[in-house]
Amino acid sequence: MEEIGKNESIRVLLDPDGVVVAEGDIDLAGGPLLDTAILRVENANPVVIDLAAVEFIDSSGLRSLLAASRRAEARSTSVVLRNPSAGVLRLLSITGTTEQFTVEPEPVS
């Protein structure tokens, strides 16, 4: 895996298949690293982001994901959130933004 960047909040990697892998917290400090990785793979159809190891996500992290979703929609593709943690699913649910993404696996109701 290629490391895109890390700081005290987050580590962002690209796996050999072009999947963005985030580990840690997607917050004000981590959002720009996630943005950098997403921009590197935006030609993928779809953009896949693995969020299994994300412990916390705040509004700035959500903003990064939503911006990626808007750009993908403009290219007639989507953003797939793979294995989102409970914290990520909760934020998407609270903000009513779940439908902006393809979620793998589907959240259990």
N, C-alpha and C. Protein backbone atom coordinates (compact mmCIF):
# COMPACT_ATOMS: atom_id res chain seq x y z
N MET A 1 0.84 -1.19 0.00
CA MET A 1 0.00 0.00 0.00
C MET A 1 0.88 1.24 0.00
N GLU A 2 0.40 2.25 -0.67
CA GLU A 2 1.11 3.52 -0.74
C GLU A 2 0.53 4.48 0.30
N GLU A 3 1.38 5.02 1.15
CA GLU A 3 0.92 5.98 2.13
C GLU A 3 0.82 7.36 1.48
N ILE A 4 -0.36 7.95 1.54
CA ILE A 4 -0.59 9.28 1.00
C ILE A 4 -0.18 10.33 2.01
N GLY A 5 -0.44 10.06 3.26
CA GLY A 5 -0.07 11.00 4.31
C GLY A 5 -0.58 10.54 5.65
N LYS A 6 0.00 11.11 6.70
CA LYS A 6 -0.48 10.84 8.05
C LYS A 6 -0.13 12.00 8.95
N ASN A 7 -0.89 12.13 9.99
CA ASN A 7 -0.62 13.09 11.05
C ASN A 7 -1.12 12.46 12.35
N GLU A 8 -1.23 13.26 13.39
CA GLU A 8 -1.67 12.71 14.68
C GLU A 8 -3.11 12.21 14.66
N SER A 9 -3.89 12.59 13.65
CA SER A 9 -5.30 12.19 13.57
C SER A 9 -5.54 10.98 12.69
N ILE A 10 -4.87 10.93 11.57
CA ILE A 10 -5.27 9.98 10.53
C ILE A 10 -4.06 9.49 9.74
N ARG A 11 -4.22 8.33 9.15
CA ARG A 11 -3.29 7.79 8.17
C ARG A 11 -4.12 7.43 6.95
N VAL A 12 -3.70 7.89 5.78
CA VAL A 12 -4.45 7.63 4.55
C VAL A 12 -3.52 6.91 3.58
N LEU A 13 -4.05 5.79 3.05
CA LEU A 13 -3.29 4.93 2.14
C LEU A 13 -4.07 4.70 0.86
N LEU A 14 -3.35 4.29 -0.19
CA LEU A 14 -3.98 3.78 -1.41
C LEU A 14 -3.56 2.34 -1.54
N ASP A 15 -4.54 1.43 -1.66
CA ASP A 15 -4.18 0.03 -1.83
C ASP A 15 -3.88 -0.22 -3.32
N PRO A 16 -3.35 -1.38 -3.66
CA PRO A 16 -2.97 -1.65 -5.05
C PRO A 16 -4.13 -1.56 -6.04
N ASP A 17 -5.36 -1.71 -5.56
CA ASP A 17 -6.53 -1.62 -6.44
C ASP A 17 -7.07 -0.20 -6.56
N GLY A 18 -6.39 0.78 -5.94
CA GLY A 18 -6.84 2.17 -6.01
C GLY A 18 -7.89 2.53 -4.98
N VAL A 19 -8.08 1.68 -3.97
CA VAL A 19 -9.02 1.97 -2.90
C VAL A 19 -8.34 2.89 -1.89
N VAL A 20 -9.01 3.97 -1.52
CA VAL A 20 -8.53 4.86 -0.48
C VAL A 20 -8.85 4.21 0.86
N VAL A 21 -7.85 4.08 1.72
CA VAL A 21 -8.03 3.47 3.03
C VAL A 21 -7.69 4.53 4.08
N ALA A 22 -8.68 4.84 4.92
CA ALA A 22 -8.48 5.82 6.00
C ALA A 22 -8.45 5.08 7.33
N GLU A 23 -7.50 5.47 8.18
CA GLU A 23 -7.37 4.87 9.51
C GLU A 23 -7.23 5.99 10.53
N GLY A 24 -8.12 6.02 11.52
CA GLY A 24 -8.04 7.04 12.56
C GLY A 24 -9.23 7.97 12.53
N ASP A 25 -8.97 9.26 12.69
CA ASP A 25 -10.03 10.27 12.77
C ASP A 25 -10.03 11.15 11.54
N ILE A 26 -11.22 11.31 10.94
CA ILE A 26 -11.36 12.25 9.83
C ILE A 26 -11.95 13.52 10.43
N ASP A 27 -11.07 14.46 10.70
CA ASP A 27 -11.46 15.72 11.33
C ASP A 27 -10.80 16.86 10.57
N LEU A 28 -10.77 18.04 11.17
CA LEU A 28 -10.20 19.21 10.51
C LEU A 28 -8.76 18.96 10.08
N ALA A 29 -8.00 18.22 10.87
CA ALA A 29 -6.61 17.92 10.52
C ALA A 29 -6.50 16.78 9.52
N GLY A 30 -7.43 15.84 9.55
CA GLY A 30 -7.36 14.67 8.68
C GLY A 30 -8.05 14.84 7.34
N GLY A 31 -9.02 15.73 7.27
CA GLY A 31 -9.78 15.93 6.04
C GLY A 31 -8.93 16.24 4.81
N PRO A 32 -7.95 17.15 4.92
CA PRO A 32 -7.12 17.46 3.74
C PRO A 32 -6.33 16.26 3.22
N LEU A 33 -5.88 15.37 4.11
CA LEU A 33 -5.17 14.17 3.65
C LEU A 33 -6.12 13.25 2.89
N LEU A 34 -7.35 13.12 3.39
CA LEU A 34 -8.35 12.32 2.69
C LEU A 34 -8.66 12.93 1.33
N ASP A 35 -8.80 14.25 1.28
CA ASP A 35 -9.07 14.94 0.02
C ASP A 35 -7.98 14.66 -1.00
N THR A 36 -6.72 14.72 -0.57
CA THR A 36 -5.59 14.47 -1.46
C THR A 36 -5.67 13.08 -2.07
N ALA A 37 -5.97 12.09 -1.24
CA ALA A 37 -6.07 10.71 -1.73
C ALA A 37 -7.24 10.55 -2.70
N ILE A 38 -8.37 11.13 -2.37
CA ILE A 38 -9.55 11.01 -3.24
C ILE A 38 -9.27 11.65 -4.59
N LEU A 39 -8.64 12.79 -4.59
CA LEU A 39 -8.33 13.47 -5.85
C LEU A 39 -7.40 12.63 -6.73
N ARG A 40 -6.54 11.83 -6.12
CA ARG A 40 -5.62 10.97 -6.87
C ARG A 40 -6.36 9.86 -7.61
N VAL A 41 -7.52 9.44 -7.10
CA VAL A 41 -8.22 8.30 -7.70
C VAL A 41 -9.56 8.69 -8.33
N GLU A 42 -9.79 9.96 -8.51
CA GLU A 42 -11.12 10.37 -9.00
C GLU A 42 -11.45 9.90 -10.41
N ASN A 43 -10.45 9.42 -11.14
CA ASN A 43 -10.77 8.87 -12.46
C ASN A 43 -11.32 7.45 -12.37
N ALA A 44 -11.29 6.88 -11.15
CA ALA A 44 -11.83 5.53 -10.96
C ALA A 44 -13.35 5.57 -11.04
N ASN A 45 -13.92 4.46 -11.45
CA ASN A 45 -15.37 4.37 -11.56
C ASN A 45 -15.82 3.11 -10.84
N PRO A 46 -16.33 3.17 -9.67
CA PRO A 46 -16.51 4.33 -8.79
C PRO A 46 -15.27 4.57 -7.92
N VAL A 47 -15.30 5.66 -7.17
CA VAL A 47 -14.28 5.94 -6.16
C VAL A 47 -14.64 5.12 -4.92
N VAL A 48 -13.71 4.32 -4.42
CA VAL A 48 -13.97 3.46 -3.27
C VAL A 48 -13.11 3.93 -2.10
N ILE A 49 -13.77 4.14 -0.95
CA ILE A 49 -13.09 4.60 0.27
C ILE A 49 -13.41 3.61 1.38
N ASP A 50 -12.37 2.98 1.90
CA ASP A 50 -12.53 2.01 2.99
C ASP A 50 -12.44 2.77 4.32
N LEU A 51 -13.52 2.70 5.09
CA LEU A 51 -13.62 3.45 6.35
C LEU A 51 -13.74 2.54 7.56
N ALA A 52 -13.33 1.28 7.43
CA ALA A 52 -13.46 0.33 8.54
C ALA A 52 -12.67 0.76 9.76
N ALA A 53 -11.52 1.41 9.56
CA ALA A 53 -10.66 1.78 10.68
C ALA A 53 -10.81 3.24 11.09
N VAL A 54 -11.90 3.88 10.67
CA VAL A 54 -12.15 5.26 11.08
C VAL A 54 -12.87 5.25 12.42
N GLU A 55 -12.22 5.81 13.42
CA GLU A 55 -12.77 5.82 14.77
C GLU A 55 -13.73 6.98 15.01
N PHE A 56 -13.50 8.10 14.30
CA PHE A 56 -14.28 9.32 14.51
C PHE A 56 -14.31 10.09 13.21
N ILE A 57 -15.45 10.71 12.92
CA ILE A 57 -15.57 11.60 11.78
C ILE A 57 -16.41 12.80 12.20
N ASP A 58 -15.95 14.00 11.85
CA ASP A 58 -16.71 15.20 12.19
C ASP A 58 -17.24 15.85 10.91
N SER A 59 -17.78 17.06 11.06
CA SER A 59 -18.40 17.72 9.91
C SER A 59 -17.40 18.03 8.81
N SER A 60 -16.14 18.29 9.15
CA SER A 60 -15.16 18.56 8.10
C SER A 60 -14.86 17.27 7.32
N GLY A 61 -14.85 16.14 8.00
CA GLY A 61 -14.69 14.86 7.30
C GLY A 61 -15.87 14.57 6.40
N LEU A 62 -17.06 14.84 6.90
CA LEU A 62 -18.26 14.65 6.10
C LEU A 62 -18.22 15.56 4.88
N ARG A 63 -17.76 16.78 5.07
CA ARG A 63 -17.65 17.73 3.95
C ARG A 63 -16.74 17.15 2.85
N SER A 64 -15.62 16.53 3.25
CA SER A 64 -14.71 15.91 2.27
C SER A 64 -15.42 14.81 1.49
N LEU A 65 -16.17 13.96 2.19
CA LEU A 65 -16.88 12.87 1.52
C LEU A 65 -17.98 13.40 0.60
N LEU A 66 -18.71 14.41 1.06
CA LEU A 66 -19.79 14.96 0.24
C LEU A 66 -19.25 15.67 -1.00
N ALA A 67 -18.11 16.35 -0.87
CA ALA A 67 -17.49 17.01 -2.03
C ALA A 67 -17.08 15.96 -3.06
N ALA A 68 -16.52 14.85 -2.58
CA ALA A 68 -16.15 13.76 -3.49
C ALA A 68 -17.39 13.19 -4.18
N SER A 69 -18.48 13.06 -3.44
CA SER A 69 -19.72 12.54 -4.01
C SER A 69 -20.27 13.48 -5.08
N ARG A 70 -20.23 14.78 -4.84
CA ARG A 70 -20.72 15.75 -5.84
C ARG A 70 -19.86 15.69 -7.11
N ARG A 71 -18.55 15.60 -6.94
CA ARG A 71 -17.67 15.53 -8.11
C ARG A 71 -17.91 14.23 -8.88
N ALA A 72 -18.11 13.13 -8.15
CA ALA A 72 -18.37 11.84 -8.80
C ALA A 72 -19.70 11.90 -9.57
N GLU A 73 -20.70 12.48 -8.96
CA GLU A 73 -22.00 12.59 -9.63
C GLU A 73 -21.88 13.39 -10.93
N ALA A 74 -21.06 14.43 -10.92
CA ALA A 74 -20.85 15.23 -12.12
C ALA A 74 -20.18 14.41 -13.23
N ARG A 75 -19.46 13.35 -12.85
CA ARG A 75 -18.81 12.46 -13.81
C ARG A 75 -19.67 11.22 -14.07
N SER A 76 -20.89 11.22 -13.59
CA SER A 76 -21.83 10.10 -13.74
C SER A 76 -21.31 8.81 -13.10
N THR A 77 -20.69 8.95 -11.95
CA THR A 77 -20.24 7.80 -11.18
C THR A 77 -20.63 8.01 -9.72
N SER A 78 -20.02 7.28 -8.82
CA SER A 78 -20.41 7.39 -7.41
C SER A 78 -19.21 7.19 -6.51
N VAL A 79 -19.45 7.43 -5.23
CA VAL A 79 -18.47 7.15 -4.19
C VAL A 79 -19.00 5.98 -3.37
N VAL A 80 -18.17 4.95 -3.22
CA VAL A 80 -18.53 3.78 -2.43
C VAL A 80 -17.81 3.89 -1.09
N LEU A 81 -18.58 3.83 -0.01
CA LEU A 81 -18.00 3.79 1.33
C LEU A 81 -17.98 2.33 1.75
N ARG A 82 -16.79 1.76 1.78
CA ARG A 82 -16.64 0.33 2.08
C ARG A 82 -16.40 0.14 3.58
N ASN A 83 -17.17 -0.78 4.16
CA ASN A 83 -17.01 -1.14 5.58
C ASN A 83 -17.01 0.07 6.52
N PRO A 84 -17.95 1.00 6.37
CA PRO A 84 -17.92 2.16 7.26
C PRO A 84 -18.14 1.74 8.71
N SER A 85 -17.38 2.36 9.59
CA SER A 85 -17.51 2.08 11.02
C SER A 85 -18.85 2.58 11.54
N ALA A 86 -19.19 2.18 12.74
CA ALA A 86 -20.45 2.61 13.36
C ALA A 86 -20.51 4.14 13.48
N GLY A 87 -19.39 4.77 13.77
CA GLY A 87 -19.35 6.22 13.88
C GLY A 87 -19.66 6.91 12.57
N VAL A 88 -19.12 6.38 11.48
CA VAL A 88 -19.39 6.94 10.16
C VAL A 88 -20.86 6.76 9.81
N LEU A 89 -21.38 5.56 10.01
CA LEU A 89 -22.80 5.30 9.71
C LEU A 89 -23.71 6.20 10.53
N ARG A 90 -23.35 6.42 11.78
CA ARG A 90 -24.17 7.27 12.65
C ARG A 90 -24.20 8.71 12.12
N LEU A 91 -23.03 9.24 11.73
CA LEU A 91 -22.99 10.61 11.21
C LEU A 91 -23.80 10.72 9.92
N LEU A 92 -23.67 9.75 9.03
CA LEU A 92 -24.45 9.78 7.79
C LEU A 92 -25.94 9.74 8.09
N SER A 93 -26.34 8.93 9.05
CA SER A 93 -27.75 8.82 9.41
C SER A 93 -28.27 10.12 10.03
N ILE A 94 -27.52 10.65 10.98
CA ILE A 94 -27.94 11.89 11.66
C ILE A 94 -28.08 13.05 10.68
N THR A 95 -27.18 13.12 9.71
CA THR A 95 -27.17 14.23 8.76
C THR A 95 -28.04 13.98 7.53
N GLY A 96 -28.60 12.78 7.42
CA GLY A 96 -29.45 12.47 6.28
C GLY A 96 -28.69 12.42 4.97
N THR A 97 -27.42 12.03 5.02
CA THR A 97 -26.61 12.03 3.81
C THR A 97 -26.25 10.63 3.31
N THR A 98 -26.79 9.61 3.93
CA THR A 98 -26.47 8.23 3.53
C THR A 98 -26.72 8.00 2.05
N GLU A 99 -27.81 8.57 1.52
CA GLU A 99 -28.17 8.33 0.13
C GLU A 99 -27.20 8.98 -0.86
N GLN A 100 -26.28 9.79 -0.39
CA GLN A 100 -25.28 10.40 -1.28
C GLN A 100 -24.18 9.42 -1.69
N PHE A 101 -24.18 8.23 -1.06
CA PHE A 101 -23.11 7.26 -1.25
C PHE A 101 -23.70 5.87 -1.49
N THR A 102 -22.85 5.00 -2.05
CA THR A 102 -23.14 3.58 -2.06
C THR A 102 -22.39 3.02 -0.86
N VAL A 103 -23.10 2.35 0.02
CA VAL A 103 -22.50 1.84 1.25
C VAL A 103 -22.36 0.32 1.14
N GLU A 104 -21.14 -0.17 1.35
CA GLU A 104 -20.86 -1.63 1.36
C GLU A 104 -20.33 -2.02 2.70
N PRO A 105 -20.84 -2.95 3.42
CA PRO A 105 -22.16 -3.54 3.18
C PRO A 105 -23.25 -2.56 3.59
N GLU A 106 -24.46 -2.86 3.15
CA GLU A 106 -25.59 -2.00 3.51
C GLU A 106 -25.77 -1.98 5.02
N PRO A 107 -26.05 -0.79 5.58
CA PRO A 107 -26.28 -0.73 7.02
C PRO A 107 -27.49 -1.55 7.44
N VAL A 108 -27.40 -2.16 8.59
CA VAL A 108 -28.50 -2.96 9.14
C VAL A 108 -29.48 -2.01 9.82
N SER A 109 -30.76 -2.13 9.50
CA SER A 109 -31.77 -1.24 10.09
C SER A 109 -32.20 -1.72 11.45
